[in-house]
Amino acid sequence: MPASDRQFMIFGIRIMGEFAGLIAVPVILFVLGGRWLDQRWGTGPWMMVGGFVLAFLVSAVMVWRRAKEIGREYQDLVNNGKNSNSQNPKS
């Protein structure tokens, strides 16, 4: 596998890991927090559902922000690949 392909593969795997964490961590924390509040206050599933909705919103904002940053990182990666190819043309 060429070095540039390997860089893109690592970049993609890193993105998957980051997005998984950005989605899973808030869901787990807010849902468990909502469940704990439901048990404490006897409110049925409503705090847990509210926690899930809140986790969705928090995750969506975090993923949106990170996606914009990743777009810039991707462009830098592509531009660096073009620069190195133009400096070292293959014969």
C-alpha atoms as a PDB file:
ATOM      1  CA  MET A   1       0.000   0.000   0.000  1.00  0.00           C
ATOM      2  CA  PRO A   2       1.490   3.381  -0.986  1.00  0.00           C
ATOM      3  CA  ALA A   3       2.281   5.776   1.844  1.00  0.00           C
ATOM      4  CA  SER A   4      -0.397   8.247   0.758  1.00  0.00           C
ATOM      5  CA  ASP A   5      -3.067   5.527   0.761  1.00  0.00           C
ATOM      6  CA  ARG A   6      -1.962   4.503   4.233  1.00  0.00           C
ATOM      7  CA  GLN A   7      -2.324   8.111   5.450  1.00  0.00           C
ATOM      8  CA  PHE A   8      -5.884   8.267   4.128  1.00  0.00           C
ATOM      9  CA  MET A   9      -6.705   4.882   5.690  1.00  0.00           C
ATOM     10  CA  ILE A  10      -5.404   6.001   9.092  1.00  0.00           C
ATOM     11  CA  PHE A  11      -7.277   9.296   8.708  1.00  0.00           C
ATOM     12  CA  GLY A  12     -10.540   7.450   7.996  1.00  0.00           C
ATOM     13  CA  ILE A  13     -10.127   5.066  10.921  1.00  0.00           C
ATOM     14  CA  ARG A  14      -9.384   7.994  13.224  1.00  0.00           C
ATOM     15  CA  ILE A  15     -12.559   9.751  12.048  1.00  0.00           C
ATOM     16  CA  MET A  16     -14.666   6.651  12.745  1.00  0.00           C
ATOM     17  CA  GLY A  17     -13.255   6.367  16.250  1.00  0.00           C
ATOM     18  CA  GLU A  18     -13.755  10.028  17.029  1.00  0.00           C
ATOM     19  CA  PHE A  19     -17.334  10.086  15.768  1.00  0.00           C
ATOM     20  CA  ALA A  20     -18.177   6.895  17.653  1.00  0.00           C
ATOM     21  CA  GLY A  21     -16.956   8.501  20.855  1.00  0.00           C
ATOM     22  CA  LEU A  22     -18.724  11.788  20.133  1.00  0.00           C
ATOM     23  CA  ILE A  23     -22.001   9.925  19.734  1.00  0.00           C
ATOM     24  CA  ALA A  24     -21.726   7.111  22.288  1.00  0.00           C
ATOM     25  CA  VAL A  25     -20.346   8.963  25.319  1.00  0.00           C
ATOM     26  CA  PRO A  26     -23.104  11.608  25.575  1.00  0.00           C
ATOM     27  CA  VAL A  27     -25.815   8.990  24.966  1.00  0.00           C
ATOM     28  CA  ILE A  28     -24.497   6.727  27.705  1.00  0.00           C
ATOM     29  CA  LEU A  29     -23.981   9.554  30.205  1.00  0.00           C
ATOM     30  CA  PHE A  30     -27.255  11.391  29.608  1.00  0.00           C
ATOM     31  CA  VAL A  31     -29.409   8.258  29.405  1.00  0.00           C
ATOM     32  CA  LEU A  32     -27.918   6.804  32.578  1.00  0.00           C
ATOM     33  CA  GLY A  33     -28.280  10.183  34.276  1.00  0.00           C
ATOM     34  CA  GLY A  34     -31.908  10.372  33.172  1.00  0.00           C
ATOM     35  CA  ARG A  35     -32.549   6.837  34.390  1.00  0.00           C
ATOM     36  CA  TRP A  36     -31.037   7.696  37.769  1.00  0.00           C
ATOM     37  CA  LEU A  37     -33.268  10.789  38.002  1.00  0.00           C
ATOM     38  CA  ASP A  38     -36.314   8.695  37.037  1.00  0.00           C
ATOM     39  CA  GLN A  39     -35.571   6.250  39.847  1.00  0.00           C
ATOM     40  CA  ARG A  40     -34.949   9.039  42.331  1.00  0.00           C
ATOM     41  CA  TRP A  41     -38.005  11.134  41.464  1.00  0.00           C
ATOM     42  CA  GLY A  42     -40.331   8.366  40.209  1.00  0.00           C
ATOM     43  CA  THR A  43     -40.959  10.098  36.886  1.00  0.00           C
ATOM     44  CA  GLY A  44     -41.120   6.959  34.751  1.00  0.00           C
ATOM     45  CA  PRO A  45     -39.109   7.002  31.553  1.00  0.00           C
ATOM     46  CA  TRP A  46     -39.376  10.765  30.999  1.00  0.00           C
ATOM     47  CA  MET A  47     -36.001  11.862  32.333  1.00  0.00           C
ATOM     48  CA  MET A  48     -34.310   9.034  30.446  1.00  0.00           C
ATOM     49  CA  VAL A  49     -36.087  10.065  27.235  1.00  0.00           C
ATOM     50  CA  GLY A  50     -35.137  13.676  27.918  1.00  0.00           C
ATOM     51  CA  GLY A  51     -31.558  12.573  28.473  1.00  0.00           C
ATOM     52  CA  PHE A  52     -31.586  10.783  25.138  1.00  0.00           C
ATOM     53  CA  VAL A  53     -32.931  13.863  23.352  1.00  0.00           C
ATOM     54  CA  LEU A  54     -30.352  16.052  25.071  1.00  0.00           C
ATOM     55  CA  ALA A  55     -27.606  13.564  24.163  1.00  0.00           C
ATOM     56  CA  PHE A  56     -28.761  13.650  20.535  1.00  0.00           C
ATOM     57  CA  LEU A  57     -28.537  17.434  20.448  1.00  0.00           C
ATOM     58  CA  VAL A  58     -25.153  17.549  22.178  1.00  0.00           C
ATOM     59  CA  SER A  59     -23.773  14.822  19.896  1.00  0.00           C
ATOM     60  CA  ALA A  60     -25.109  16.530  16.783  1.00  0.00           C
ATOM     61  CA  VAL A  61     -23.422  19.825  17.693  1.00  0.00           C
ATOM     62  CA  MET A  62     -20.123  18.121  18.564  1.00  0.00           C
ATOM     63  CA  VAL A  63     -20.140  16.023  15.374  1.00  0.00           C
ATOM     64  CA  TRP A  64     -20.978  19.091  13.263  1.00  0.00           C
ATOM     65  CA  ARG A  65     -18.099  21.087  14.734  1.00  0.00           C
ATOM     66  CA  ARG A  66     -15.652  18.218  14.439  1.00  0.00           C
ATOM     67  CA  ALA A  67     -16.755  17.486  10.852  1.00  0.00           C
ATOM     68  CA  LYS A  68     -15.881  21.042   9.848  1.00  0.00           C
ATOM     69  CA  GLU A  69     -12.428  20.652  11.430  1.00  0.00           C
ATOM     70  CA  ILE A  70     -11.945  17.282   9.748  1.00  0.00           C
ATOM     71  CA  GLY A  71     -12.857  18.818   6.385  1.00  0.00           C
ATOM     72  CA  ARG A  72      -9.991  21.277   6.797  1.00  0.00           C
ATOM     73  CA  GLU A  73      -7.641  18.489   7.903  1.00  0.00           C
ATOM     74  CA  TYR A  74      -8.645  16.440   4.857  1.00  0.00           C
ATOM     75  CA  GLN A  75      -7.936  19.339   2.516  1.00  0.00           C
ATOM     76  CA  ASP A  76      -4.522  19.776   4.125  1.00  0.00           C
ATOM     77  CA  LEU A  77      -3.832  16.062   3.679  1.00  0.00           C
ATOM     78  CA  VAL A  78      -4.864  16.200   0.005  1.00  0.00           C
ATOM     79  CA  ASN A  79      -2.855  19.362  -0.636  1.00  0.00           C
ATOM     80  CA  ASN A  80       0.237  17.899   1.038  1.00  0.00           C
ATOM     81  CA  GLY A  81      -0.112  14.802  -1.134  1.00  0.00           C
ATOM     82  CA  LYS A  82      -0.294  16.945  -4.282  1.00  0.00           C
ATOM     83  CA  ASN A  83       2.740  18.952  -3.228  1.00  0.00           C
ATOM     84  CA  SER A  84       4.847  15.880  -2.542  1.00  0.00           C
ATOM     85  CA  ASN A  85       3.807  14.318  -5.874  1.00  0.00           C
ATOM     86  CA  SER A  86       4.712  17.468  -7.807  1.00  0.00           C
ATOM     87  CA  GLN A  87       8.083  17.684  -6.065  1.00  0.00           C
ATOM     88  CA  ASN A  88       8.921  14.007  -6.694  1.00  0.00           C
ATOM     89  CA  PRO A  89       7.520  13.125 -10.131  1.00  0.00           C
ATOM     90  CA  LYS A  90       7.687   9.469 -11.069  1.00  0.00           C
ATOM     91  CA  SER A  91       9.740   8.670 -14.140  1.00  0.00           C
END
